[in-house]
Amino acid sequence: MINGIVIIDKEPGYTSHDVVAKLRGILGQKKIGHTGTLDPAATGVLPVCLGNATGVCGMLTDCDKEYEAELLLGVETDTQDTTGKVLDRRQVCVSEETVRETCAGFVGEYDQIPPMYSALKVNGKKLYELARQGKEVERTPRRVRIHSLIIETCRLPVVKMRVVCSRGTYIRTLCFDIGRKLGCGGTMSSLRRTAVGKFTVEDALRLDQVKQLWEEGALYRVLRPVDSVFEDCPSLRVREEFGILLENGNPIAPEQTVQQDRPEPGRQVRLYRADGSFAGIYAYRADRGKYMPVKMFLSR
């Protein structure tokens, strides 16, 4: 089994699930998962986890994201992007200065209402399924954070911007909200995800490139090890005589590691076997005087 993370540059027309299905066919293994849905029309960074790396899918989903987005003012659609049905058209009478001031006002935290065309569930039903039935239900606003919003070009009615945001942020809805704030309406006309956490579009490969590397036996050149996700965490190696404790996911005392670490309560660390292979993420519990398992990656 292949274990690790491959960064895909998703092409338009594919769902995130399509990418996973195609990789299963290319690599011949079932244990593959993606780390956050991209709409079919969107492109860009989609980290895909293979083998025991699927354990980090949720962790990568929690990472901040960066996008290049295009906002088309004067139009509103049912999907909040240009793939949907046009609901309203209005004249764009705002100035570039007003657009820039309004966009700047979205930086920080704000309550965003998820779009009906999304995979979120309400009472066990996916919102997009209800939307396709012509139904609209009340959605609970979710607090999201826009870390930065930089307008790269503003040629009205089109505004191109770069957005860094927290998990759970819908850029389609951000475009819709900006349009509403300006009074002329708005919809997203294109979207490219350029980063997920530390993984950037410069690291990403198209599916055909992954296939070629696999056929050449060179996939290892681009495969990211699981522990690369946790590079900000200190690393500790467990002494060989205590390896069985690590293999069973048991607590590890500081004196059972090779390094003379000074434990800090709550701090997460990477724990490695005596042979240097990665085993899991632990966090120190002062009340126990030991490192406690957070997430284990035991299969080699």
C-alpha atoms as a PDB file:
ATOM      1  CA  MET A   1       0.000   0.000   0.000  1.00  0.00           C
ATOM      2  CA  ILE A   2       1.166   3.530  -0.812  1.00  0.00           C
ATOM      3  CA  ASN A   3       1.241   5.853   2.199  1.00  0.00           C
ATOM      4  CA  GLY A   4       1.609   9.592   1.804  1.00  0.00           C
ATOM      5  CA  ILE A   5       0.088  12.770   0.404  1.00  0.00           C
ATOM      6  CA  VAL A   6      -0.012  13.832  -3.227  1.00  0.00           C
ATOM      7  CA  ILE A   7      -0.993  17.398  -4.127  1.00  0.00           C
ATOM      8  CA  ILE A   8      -3.390  17.450  -7.061  1.00  0.00           C
ATOM      9  CA  ASP A   9      -4.060  20.459  -9.271  1.00  0.00           C
ATOM     10  CA  LYS A  10      -7.730  19.757  -9.872  1.00  0.00           C
ATOM     11  CA  GLU A  11      -8.920  20.497 -13.374  1.00  0.00           C
ATOM     12  CA  PRO A  12     -12.366  21.949 -14.190  1.00  0.00           C
ATOM     13  CA  GLY A  13     -15.180  19.482 -14.685  1.00  0.00           C
ATOM     14  CA  TYR A  14     -14.063  17.044 -11.988  1.00  0.00           C
ATOM     15  CA  THR A  15     -15.593  16.757  -8.551  1.00  0.00           C
ATOM     16  CA  SER A  16     -13.265  16.039  -5.643  1.00  0.00           C
ATOM     17  CA  HIS A  17     -14.759  12.532  -5.534  1.00  0.00           C
ATOM     18  CA  ASP A  18     -13.953  12.103  -9.240  1.00  0.00           C
ATOM     19  CA  VAL A  19     -10.297  12.844  -8.451  1.00  0.00           C
ATOM     20  CA  VAL A  20     -10.257  10.181  -5.734  1.00  0.00           C
ATOM     21  CA  ALA A  21     -11.933   7.640  -8.048  1.00  0.00           C
ATOM     22  CA  LYS A  22      -9.435   8.291 -10.830  1.00  0.00           C
ATOM     23  CA  LEU A  23      -6.484   7.957  -8.450  1.00  0.00           C
ATOM     24  CA  ARG A  24      -7.857   4.652  -7.185  1.00  0.00           C
ATOM     25  CA  GLY A  25      -7.844   3.442 -10.767  1.00  0.00           C
ATOM     26  CA  ILE A  26      -4.338   4.753 -11.456  1.00  0.00           C
ATOM     27  CA  LEU A  27      -2.727   3.461  -8.263  1.00  0.00           C
ATOM     28  CA  GLY A  28      -4.795   0.327  -7.761  1.00  0.00           C
ATOM     29  CA  GLN A  29      -5.647   0.924  -4.116  1.00  0.00           C
ATOM     30  CA  LYS A  30      -8.886   1.811  -2.357  1.00  0.00           C
ATOM     31  CA  LYS A  31      -7.640   3.634   0.727  1.00  0.00           C
ATOM     32  CA  ILE A  32      -7.568   7.166  -0.660  1.00  0.00           C
ATOM     33  CA  GLY A  33      -9.298  10.295   0.607  1.00  0.00           C
ATOM     34  CA  HIS A  34      -9.435  13.984  -0.274  1.00  0.00           C
ATOM     35  CA  THR A  35      -9.102  16.876   2.137  1.00  0.00           C
ATOM     36  CA  GLY A  36     -11.842  19.331   1.274  1.00  0.00           C
ATOM     37  CA  THR A  37     -14.364  19.653  -1.509  1.00  0.00           C
ATOM     38  CA  LEU A  38     -13.779  21.861  -4.537  1.00  0.00           C
ATOM     39  CA  ASP A  39     -16.737  22.635  -6.786  1.00  0.00           C
ATOM     40  CA  PRO A  40     -16.558  20.988 -10.232  1.00  0.00           C
ATOM     41  CA  ALA A  41     -15.955  24.318 -12.004  1.00  0.00           C
ATOM     42  CA  ALA A  42     -13.183  25.306  -9.578  1.00  0.00           C
ATOM     43  CA  THR A  43      -9.537  24.399 -10.063  1.00  0.00           C
ATOM     44  CA  GLY A  44      -6.425  24.189  -7.952  1.00  0.00           C
ATOM     45  CA  VAL A  45      -4.944  22.626  -4.865  1.00  0.00           C
ATOM     46  CA  LEU A  46      -6.532  19.411  -3.599  1.00  0.00           C
ATOM     47  CA  PRO A  47      -4.309  17.403  -1.244  1.00  0.00           C
ATOM     48  CA  VAL A  48      -5.144  13.705  -1.540  1.00  0.00           C
ATOM     49  CA  CYS A  49      -4.164  11.258   1.189  1.00  0.00           C
ATOM     50  CA  LEU A  50      -3.069   7.698   0.439  1.00  0.00           C
ATOM     51  CA  GLY A  51      -2.998   4.724   2.788  1.00  0.00           C
ATOM     52  CA  ASN A  52      -2.373   5.590   6.431  1.00  0.00           C
ATOM     53  CA  ALA A  53      -2.208   9.285   5.470  1.00  0.00           C
ATOM     54  CA  THR A  54      -6.019   9.269   5.253  1.00  0.00           C
ATOM     55  CA  GLY A  55      -5.851   9.865   9.001  1.00  0.00           C
ATOM     56  CA  VAL A  56      -4.850  13.480   8.350  1.00  0.00           C
ATOM     57  CA  CYS A  57      -7.757  14.282   6.002  1.00  0.00           C
ATOM     58  CA  GLY A  58      -9.737  16.015   8.723  1.00  0.00           C
ATOM     59  CA  MET A  59      -6.674  17.894   9.941  1.00  0.00           C
ATOM     60  CA  LEU A  60      -5.958  19.308   6.489  1.00  0.00           C
ATOM     61  CA  THR A  61      -9.620  20.230   6.071  1.00  0.00           C
ATOM     62  CA  ASP A  62      -9.186  22.465   9.119  1.00  0.00           C
ATOM     63  CA  CYS A  63      -6.317  24.415   7.520  1.00  0.00           C
ATOM     64  CA  ASP A  64      -6.611  27.940   6.160  1.00  0.00           C
ATOM     65  CA  LYS A  65      -7.086  28.192   2.391  1.00  0.00           C
ATOM     66  CA  GLU A  66      -5.990  30.692  -0.252  1.00  0.00           C
ATOM     67  CA  TYR A  67      -7.979  31.416  -3.412  1.00  0.00           C
ATOM     68  CA  GLU A  68      -7.859  33.470  -6.568  1.00  0.00           C
ATOM     69  CA  ALA A  69     -11.440  34.457  -7.296  1.00  0.00           C
ATOM     70  CA  GLU A  70     -13.265  36.518  -9.877  1.00  0.00           C
ATOM     71  CA  LEU A  71     -16.361  38.450  -8.824  1.00  0.00           C
ATOM     72  CA  LEU A  72     -18.870  39.540 -11.471  1.00  0.00           C
ATOM     73  CA  LEU A  73     -20.979  42.423 -10.203  1.00  0.00           C
ATOM     74  CA  GLY A  74     -24.526  43.143 -11.384  1.00  0.00           C
ATOM     75  CA  VAL A  75     -25.636  39.500 -11.523  1.00  0.00           C
ATOM     76  CA  GLU A  76     -27.137  37.093  -8.969  1.00  0.00           C
ATOM     77  CA  THR A  77     -27.666  33.370  -9.557  1.00  0.00           C
ATOM     78  CA  ASP A  78     -29.239  30.530  -7.595  1.00  0.00           C
ATOM     79  CA  THR A  79     -25.844  28.839  -7.093  1.00  0.00           C
ATOM     80  CA  GLN A  80     -23.974  32.101  -6.356  1.00  0.00           C
ATOM     81  CA  ASP A  81     -21.663  31.388  -9.315  1.00  0.00           C
ATOM     82  CA  THR A  82     -22.010  31.652 -13.081  1.00  0.00           C
ATOM     83  CA  THR A  83     -22.898  27.960 -13.473  1.00  0.00           C
ATOM     84  CA  GLY A  84     -26.327  28.663 -12.017  1.00  0.00           C
ATOM     85  CA  LYS A  85     -29.617  30.146 -13.166  1.00  0.00           C
ATOM     86  CA  VAL A  86     -29.626  33.957 -13.349  1.00  0.00           C
ATOM     87  CA  LEU A  87     -32.101  35.367 -10.840  1.00  0.00           C
ATOM     88  CA  ASP A  88     -31.414  39.066 -11.190  1.00  0.00           C
ATOM     89  CA  ARG A  89     -29.429  41.559 -13.237  1.00  0.00           C
ATOM     90  CA  ARG A  90     -28.733  45.122 -12.137  1.00  0.00           C
ATOM     91  CA  GLN A  91     -26.761  48.052 -13.387  1.00  0.00           C
ATOM     92  CA  VAL A  92     -23.389  48.516 -11.709  1.00  0.00           C
ATOM     93  CA  CYS A  93     -23.199  52.147 -10.654  1.00  0.00           C
ATOM     94  CA  VAL A  94     -20.592  51.882  -7.897  1.00  0.00           C
ATOM     95  CA  SER A  95     -17.078  53.302  -8.120  1.00  0.00           C
ATOM     96  CA  GLU A  96     -13.850  51.334  -7.883  1.00  0.00           C
ATOM     97  CA  GLU A  97     -13.109  53.126  -4.609  1.00  0.00           C
ATOM     98  CA  THR A  98     -16.428  51.972  -3.132  1.00  0.00           C
ATOM     99  CA  VAL A  99     -15.749  48.405  -4.262  1.00  0.00           C
ATOM    100  CA  ARG A 100     -12.339  48.424  -2.591  1.00  0.00           C
ATOM    101  CA  GLU A 101     -13.710  49.895   0.649  1.00  0.00           C
ATOM    102  CA  THR A 102     -16.559  47.388   0.748  1.00  0.00           C
ATOM    103  CA  CYS A 103     -14.279  44.410   0.133  1.00  0.00           C
ATOM    104  CA  ALA A 104     -11.897  45.614   2.857  1.00  0.00           C
ATOM    105  CA  GLY A 105     -14.843  45.633   5.257  1.00  0.00           C
ATOM    106  CA  PHE A 106     -15.137  41.842   4.972  1.00  0.00           C
ATOM    107  CA  VAL A 107     -11.654  41.248   6.384  1.00  0.00           C
ATOM    108  CA  GLY A 108     -11.965  39.711   9.839  1.00  0.00           C
ATOM    109  CA  GLU A 109     -14.747  37.543  11.222  1.00  0.00           C
ATOM    110  CA  TYR A 110     -18.270  37.603   9.882  1.00  0.00           C
ATOM    111  CA  ASP A 111     -21.344  35.370   9.952  1.00  0.00           C
ATOM    112  CA  GLN A 112     -21.797  33.668   6.605  1.00  0.00           C
ATOM    113  CA  ILE A 113     -24.980  31.870   5.585  1.00  0.00           C
ATOM    114  CA  PRO A 114     -24.021  28.695   3.663  1.00  0.00           C
ATOM    115  CA  PRO A 115     -25.422  28.522   0.123  1.00  0.00           C
ATOM    116  CA  MET A 116     -28.290  26.196  -0.733  1.00  0.00           C
ATOM    117  CA  TYR A 117     -26.103  24.590  -3.394  1.00  0.00           C
ATOM    118  CA  SER A 118     -23.680  22.995  -0.926  1.00  0.00           C
ATOM    119  CA  ALA A 119     -23.077  19.561   0.579  1.00  0.00           C
ATOM    120  CA  LEU A 120     -24.016  20.656   4.106  1.00  0.00           C
ATOM    121  CA  LYS A 121     -26.847  18.689   5.653  1.00  0.00           C
ATOM    122  CA  VAL A 122     -29.999  20.007   7.298  1.00  0.00           C
ATOM    123  CA  ASN A 123     -32.156  17.377   9.015  1.00  0.00           C
ATOM    124  CA  GLY A 124     -30.193  14.650   7.252  1.00  0.00           C
ATOM    125  CA  LYS A 125     -30.686  16.120   3.767  1.00  0.00           C
ATOM    126  CA  LYS A 126     -27.904  17.656   1.687  1.00  0.00           C
ATOM    127  CA  LEU A 127     -28.716  21.242   0.852  1.00  0.00           C
ATOM    128  CA  TYR A 128     -27.996  20.863  -2.861  1.00  0.00           C
ATOM    129  CA  GLU A 129     -30.477  17.982  -3.048  1.00  0.00           C
ATOM    130  CA  LEU A 130     -33.180  20.201  -1.571  1.00  0.00           C
ATOM    131  CA  ALA A 131     -32.181  23.053  -3.877  1.00  0.00           C
ATOM    132  CA  ARG A 132     -32.558  20.821  -6.943  1.00  0.00           C
ATOM    133  CA  GLN A 133     -36.090  20.076  -5.755  1.00  0.00           C
ATOM    134  CA  GLY A 134     -36.803  23.793  -5.711  1.00  0.00           C
ATOM    135  CA  LYS A 135     -36.803  23.934  -1.908  1.00  0.00           C
ATOM    136  CA  GLU A 136     -35.055  26.492   0.245  1.00  0.00           C
ATOM    137  CA  VAL A 137     -34.588  25.975   3.969  1.00  0.00           C
ATOM    138  CA  GLU A 138     -33.308  28.197   6.735  1.00  0.00           C
ATOM    139  CA  ARG A 139     -29.563  27.834   7.300  1.00  0.00           C
ATOM    140  CA  THR A 140     -27.714  28.721  10.463  1.00  0.00           C
ATOM    141  CA  PRO A 141     -25.041  31.388   9.872  1.00  0.00           C
ATOM    142  CA  ARG A 142     -21.484  30.198  10.493  1.00  0.00           C
ATOM    143  CA  ARG A 143     -18.686  32.375  11.799  1.00  0.00           C
ATOM    144  CA  VAL A 144     -15.835  32.459   9.290  1.00  0.00           C
ATOM    145  CA  ARG A 145     -12.676  34.536   9.124  1.00  0.00           C
ATOM    146  CA  ILE A 146     -11.295  36.357   6.112  1.00  0.00           C
ATOM    147  CA  HIS A 147      -7.610  36.758   6.950  1.00  0.00           C
ATOM    148  CA  SER A 148      -6.896  38.890   3.902  1.00  0.00           C
ATOM    149  CA  LEU A 149      -8.684  40.064   0.773  1.00  0.00           C
ATOM    150  CA  ILE A 150      -6.492  41.728  -1.844  1.00  0.00           C
ATOM    151  CA  ILE A 151      -8.000  43.151  -5.024  1.00  0.00           C
ATOM    152  CA  GLU A 152      -5.583  42.399  -7.830  1.00  0.00           C
ATOM    153  CA  THR A 153      -7.547  44.035 -10.645  1.00  0.00           C
ATOM    154  CA  CYS A 154     -10.789  46.004 -10.682  1.00  0.00           C
ATOM    155  CA  ARG A 155     -12.265  46.518 -14.134  1.00  0.00           C
ATOM    156  CA  LEU A 156     -15.927  46.889 -13.338  1.00  0.00           C
ATOM    157  CA  PRO A 157     -18.070  44.884 -13.405  1.00  0.00           C
ATOM    158  CA  VAL A 158     -15.273  42.309 -12.887  1.00  0.00           C
ATOM    159  CA  VAL A 159     -13.182  42.236  -9.717  1.00  0.00           C
ATOM    160  CA  LYS A 160     -10.277  39.801  -9.380  1.00  0.00           C
ATOM    161  CA  MET A 161      -9.129  39.143  -5.837  1.00  0.00           C
ATOM    162  CA  ARG A 162      -6.932  36.939  -3.719  1.00  0.00           C
ATOM    163  CA  VAL A 163      -8.512  35.661  -0.497  1.00  0.00           C
ATOM    164  CA  VAL A 164      -6.993  33.868   2.487  1.00  0.00           C
ATOM    165  CA  CYS A 165      -9.690  32.462   4.753  1.00  0.00           C
ATOM    166  CA  SER A 166     -10.577  29.974   7.465  1.00  0.00           C
ATOM    167  CA  ARG A 167     -12.096  26.559   6.954  1.00  0.00           C
ATOM    168  CA  GLY A 168     -15.778  26.500   6.075  1.00  0.00           C
ATOM    169  CA  THR A 169     -15.666  29.734   4.072  1.00  0.00           C
ATOM    170  CA  TYR A 170     -17.624  29.728   0.814  1.00  0.00           C
ATOM    171  CA  ILE A 171     -16.006  32.103  -1.661  1.00  0.00           C
ATOM    172  CA  ARG A 172     -19.194  31.972  -3.739  1.00  0.00           C
ATOM    173  CA  THR A 173     -21.094  33.325  -0.765  1.00  0.00           C
ATOM    174  CA  LEU A 174     -18.429  35.930  -0.070  1.00  0.00           C
ATOM    175  CA  CYS A 175     -18.911  37.197  -3.642  1.00  0.00           C
ATOM    176  CA  PHE A 176     -22.686  37.179  -3.164  1.00  0.00           C
ATOM    177  CA  ASP A 177     -22.391  39.076   0.130  1.00  0.00           C
ATOM    178  CA  ILE A 178     -20.075  41.707  -1.368  1.00  0.00           C
ATOM    179  CA  GLY A 179     -22.530  42.211  -4.221  1.00  0.00           C
ATOM    180  CA  ARG A 180     -25.433  42.601  -1.810  1.00  0.00           C
ATOM    181  CA  LYS A 181     -23.461  45.072   0.291  1.00  0.00           C
ATOM    182  CA  LEU A 182     -22.753  47.134  -2.820  1.00  0.00           C
ATOM    183  CA  GLY A 183     -26.440  47.056  -3.753  1.00  0.00           C
ATOM    184  CA  CYS A 184     -25.902  45.713  -7.259  1.00  0.00           C
ATOM    185  CA  GLY A 185     -25.590  41.998  -6.603  1.00  0.00           C
ATOM    186  CA  GLY A 186     -22.687  39.758  -7.437  1.00  0.00           C
ATOM    187  CA  THR A 187     -21.732  36.229  -8.389  1.00  0.00           C
ATOM    188  CA  MET A 188     -18.496  34.272  -8.591  1.00  0.00           C
ATOM    189  CA  SER A 189     -17.313  33.791 -12.167  1.00  0.00           C
ATOM    190  CA  SER A 190     -14.139  31.761 -11.503  1.00  0.00           C
ATOM    191  CA  LEU A 191     -12.250  30.180  -8.605  1.00  0.00           C
ATOM    192  CA  ARG A 192      -8.782  28.702  -8.221  1.00  0.00           C
ATOM    193  CA  ARG A 193      -7.501  27.405  -4.906  1.00  0.00           C
ATOM    194  CA  THR A 194      -3.829  28.261  -4.639  1.00  0.00           C
ATOM    195  CA  ALA A 195      -3.001  26.896  -1.185  1.00  0.00           C
ATOM    196  CA  VAL A 196      -4.225  24.553   1.544  1.00  0.00           C
ATOM    197  CA  GLY A 197      -2.164  25.171   4.647  1.00  0.00           C
ATOM    198  CA  LYS A 198       1.471  24.872   3.579  1.00  0.00           C
ATOM    199  CA  PHE A 199       0.664  23.055   0.317  1.00  0.00           C
ATOM    200  CA  THR A 200       0.641  25.414  -2.668  1.00  0.00           C
ATOM    201  CA  VAL A 201      -0.265  25.234  -6.318  1.00  0.00           C
ATOM    202  CA  GLU A 202       3.455  25.153  -7.139  1.00  0.00           C
ATOM    203  CA  ASP A 203       3.525  21.719  -5.464  1.00  0.00           C
ATOM    204  CA  ALA A 204       0.522  20.401  -7.384  1.00  0.00           C
ATOM    205  CA  LEU A 205       0.281  17.953 -10.295  1.00  0.00           C
ATOM    206  CA  ARG A 206      -2.476  17.182 -12.759  1.00  0.00           C
ATOM    207  CA  LEU A 207      -3.888  13.654 -12.772  1.00  0.00           C
ATOM    208  CA  ASP A 208      -2.152  12.814 -16.054  1.00  0.00           C
ATOM    209  CA  GLN A 209       1.192  13.830 -14.528  1.00  0.00           C
ATOM    210  CA  VAL A 210       0.577  11.563 -11.528  1.00  0.00           C
ATOM    211  CA  LYS A 211      -0.286   8.703 -13.892  1.00  0.00           C
ATOM    212  CA  GLN A 212       2.939   9.211 -15.841  1.00  0.00           C
ATOM    213  CA  LEU A 213       5.053   9.249 -12.658  1.00  0.00           C
ATOM    214  CA  TRP A 214       3.319   6.084 -11.445  1.00  0.00           C
ATOM    215  CA  GLU A 215       3.974   4.286 -14.707  1.00  0.00           C
ATOM    216  CA  GLU A 216       7.619   5.360 -14.567  1.00  0.00           C
ATOM    217  CA  GLY A 217       7.932   4.136 -10.966  1.00  0.00           C
ATOM    218  CA  ALA A 218       8.768   7.682  -9.888  1.00  0.00           C
ATOM    219  CA  LEU A 219       5.740   8.663  -7.797  1.00  0.00           C
ATOM    220  CA  TYR A 220       7.948   8.672  -4.699  1.00  0.00           C
ATOM    221  CA  ARG A 221       9.538  11.880  -6.006  1.00  0.00           C
ATOM    222  CA  VAL A 222       6.355  13.878  -5.326  1.00  0.00           C
ATOM    223  CA  LEU A 223       4.794  11.856  -2.508  1.00  0.00           C
ATOM    224  CA  ARG A 224       4.748  13.822   0.752  1.00  0.00           C
ATOM    225  CA  PRO A 225       5.282  11.787   3.930  1.00  0.00           C
ATOM    226  CA  VAL A 226       2.514  11.920   6.523  1.00  0.00           C
ATOM    227  CA  ASP A 227       4.676  13.690   9.086  1.00  0.00           C
ATOM    228  CA  SER A 228       5.265  16.601   6.686  1.00  0.00           C
ATOM    229  CA  VAL A 229       1.862  17.913   7.777  1.00  0.00           C
ATOM    230  CA  PHE A 230       3.183  18.303  11.322  1.00  0.00           C
ATOM    231  CA  GLU A 231       6.555  19.926  10.691  1.00  0.00           C
ATOM    232  CA  ASP A 232       5.754  22.670  13.198  1.00  0.00           C
ATOM    233  CA  CYS A 233       5.565  20.089  15.995  1.00  0.00           C
ATOM    234  CA  PRO A 234       8.789  19.079  17.802  1.00  0.00           C
ATOM    235  CA  SER A 235       9.971  15.534  17.095  1.00  0.00           C
ATOM    236  CA  LEU A 236      10.930  12.876  19.633  1.00  0.00           C
ATOM    237  CA  ARG A 237      12.256   9.359  19.151  1.00  0.00           C
ATOM    238  CA  VAL A 238      11.109   6.614  21.491  1.00  0.00           C
ATOM    239  CA  ARG A 239      13.837   4.419  22.953  1.00  0.00           C
ATOM    240  CA  GLU A 240      13.925   0.967  21.400  1.00  0.00           C
ATOM    241  CA  GLU A 241      13.027  -0.899  24.606  1.00  0.00           C
ATOM    242  CA  PHE A 242       9.751   1.057  24.808  1.00  0.00           C
ATOM    243  CA  GLY A 243       8.803   0.567  21.168  1.00  0.00           C
ATOM    244  CA  ILE A 244       5.993  -1.851  22.032  1.00  0.00           C
ATOM    245  CA  LEU A 245       4.252   0.895  23.986  1.00  0.00           C
ATOM    246  CA  LEU A 246       4.308   3.119  20.925  1.00  0.00           C
ATOM    247  CA  GLU A 247       3.075   0.347  18.627  1.00  0.00           C
ATOM    248  CA  ASN A 248       0.063  -0.137  20.892  1.00  0.00           C
ATOM    249  CA  GLY A 249      -0.703   3.580  21.109  1.00  0.00           C
ATOM    250  CA  ASN A 250       0.068   3.714  24.822  1.00  0.00           C
ATOM    251  CA  PRO A 251       1.125   6.828  26.761  1.00  0.00           C
ATOM    252  CA  ILE A 252       4.845   7.605  26.600  1.00  0.00           C
ATOM    253  CA  ALA A 253       6.810   9.157  29.458  1.00  0.00           C
ATOM    254  CA  PRO A 254       9.425  11.821  28.634  1.00  0.00           C
ATOM    255  CA  GLU A 255      12.204   9.582  29.989  1.00  0.00           C
ATOM    256  CA  GLN A 256      11.159   6.873  27.497  1.00  0.00           C
ATOM    257  CA  THR A 257      12.343   9.047  24.601  1.00  0.00           C
ATOM    258  CA  VAL A 258      15.916   9.484  23.398  1.00  0.00           C
ATOM    259  CA  GLN A 259      15.910  13.279  23.623  1.00  0.00           C
ATOM    260  CA  GLN A 260      15.887  15.088  26.925  1.00  0.00           C
ATOM    261  CA  ASP A 261      12.791  17.114  26.120  1.00  0.00           C
ATOM    262  CA  ARG A 262      11.219  19.689  28.416  1.00  0.00           C
ATOM    263  CA  PRO A 263       7.519  18.859  28.171  1.00  0.00           C
ATOM    264  CA  GLU A 264       5.011  21.679  27.874  1.00  0.00           C
ATOM    265  CA  PRO A 265       1.384  20.959  28.849  1.00  0.00           C
ATOM    266  CA  GLY A 266      -0.811  20.535  25.772  1.00  0.00           C
ATOM    267  CA  ARG A 267       2.042  20.797  23.296  1.00  0.00           C
ATOM    268  CA  GLN A 268       1.824  18.326  20.442  1.00  0.00           C
ATOM    269  CA  VAL A 269       4.903  16.386  19.344  1.00  0.00           C
ATOM    270  CA  ARG A 270       5.775  13.919  16.604  1.00  0.00           C
ATOM    271  CA  LEU A 271       6.816  10.542  17.967  1.00  0.00           C
ATOM    272  CA  TYR A 272       9.097   8.275  15.965  1.00  0.00           C
ATOM    273  CA  ARG A 273      10.167   4.674  16.368  1.00  0.00           C
ATOM    274  CA  ALA A 274      13.760   3.816  17.179  1.00  0.00           C
ATOM    275  CA  ASP A 275      14.366   3.171  13.462  1.00  0.00           C
ATOM    276  CA  GLY A 276      13.237   6.724  12.638  1.00  0.00           C
ATOM    277  CA  SER A 277       9.853   5.879  11.117  1.00  0.00           C
ATOM    278  CA  PHE A 278       6.909   8.074  12.071  1.00  0.00           C
ATOM    279  CA  ALA A 279       4.326   6.606  14.445  1.00  0.00           C
ATOM    280  CA  GLY A 280       1.966   9.355  15.557  1.00  0.00           C
ATOM    281  CA  ILE A 281       1.096  12.667  17.153  1.00  0.00           C
ATOM    282  CA  TYR A 282       1.070  12.923  20.937  1.00  0.00           C
ATOM    283  CA  ALA A 283       0.306  15.757  23.370  1.00  0.00           C
ATOM    284  CA  TYR A 284       1.797  16.152  26.843  1.00  0.00           C
ATOM    285  CA  ARG A 285      -0.555  15.836  29.814  1.00  0.00           C
ATOM    286  CA  ALA A 286       0.947  17.398  32.930  1.00  0.00           C
ATOM    287  CA  ASP A 287      -1.540  15.641  35.232  1.00  0.00           C
ATOM    288  CA  ARG A 288      -0.373  12.272  33.873  1.00  0.00           C
ATOM    289  CA  GLY A 289       3.256  13.235  33.402  1.00  0.00           C
ATOM    290  CA  LYS A 290       3.143  11.549  30.006  1.00  0.00           C
ATOM    291  CA  TYR A 291       2.604  12.127  26.313  1.00  0.00           C
ATOM    292  CA  MET A 292      -0.887  10.946  25.339  1.00  0.00           C
ATOM    293  CA  PRO A 293      -1.831   9.800  21.808  1.00  0.00           C
ATOM    294  CA  VAL A 294      -3.713  12.259  19.613  1.00  0.00           C
ATOM    295  CA  LYS A 295      -3.512  10.498  16.240  1.00  0.00           C
ATOM    296  CA  MET A 296      -1.672   7.299  15.377  1.00  0.00           C
ATOM    297  CA  PHE A 297      -0.202   6.382  11.978  1.00  0.00           C
ATOM    298  CA  LEU A 298       1.081   2.910  12.742  1.00  0.00           C
ATOM    299  CA  SER A 299       0.957   1.127   9.392  1.00  0.00           C
ATOM    300  CA  ARG A 300       4.294   1.389   7.614  1.00  0.00           C
END
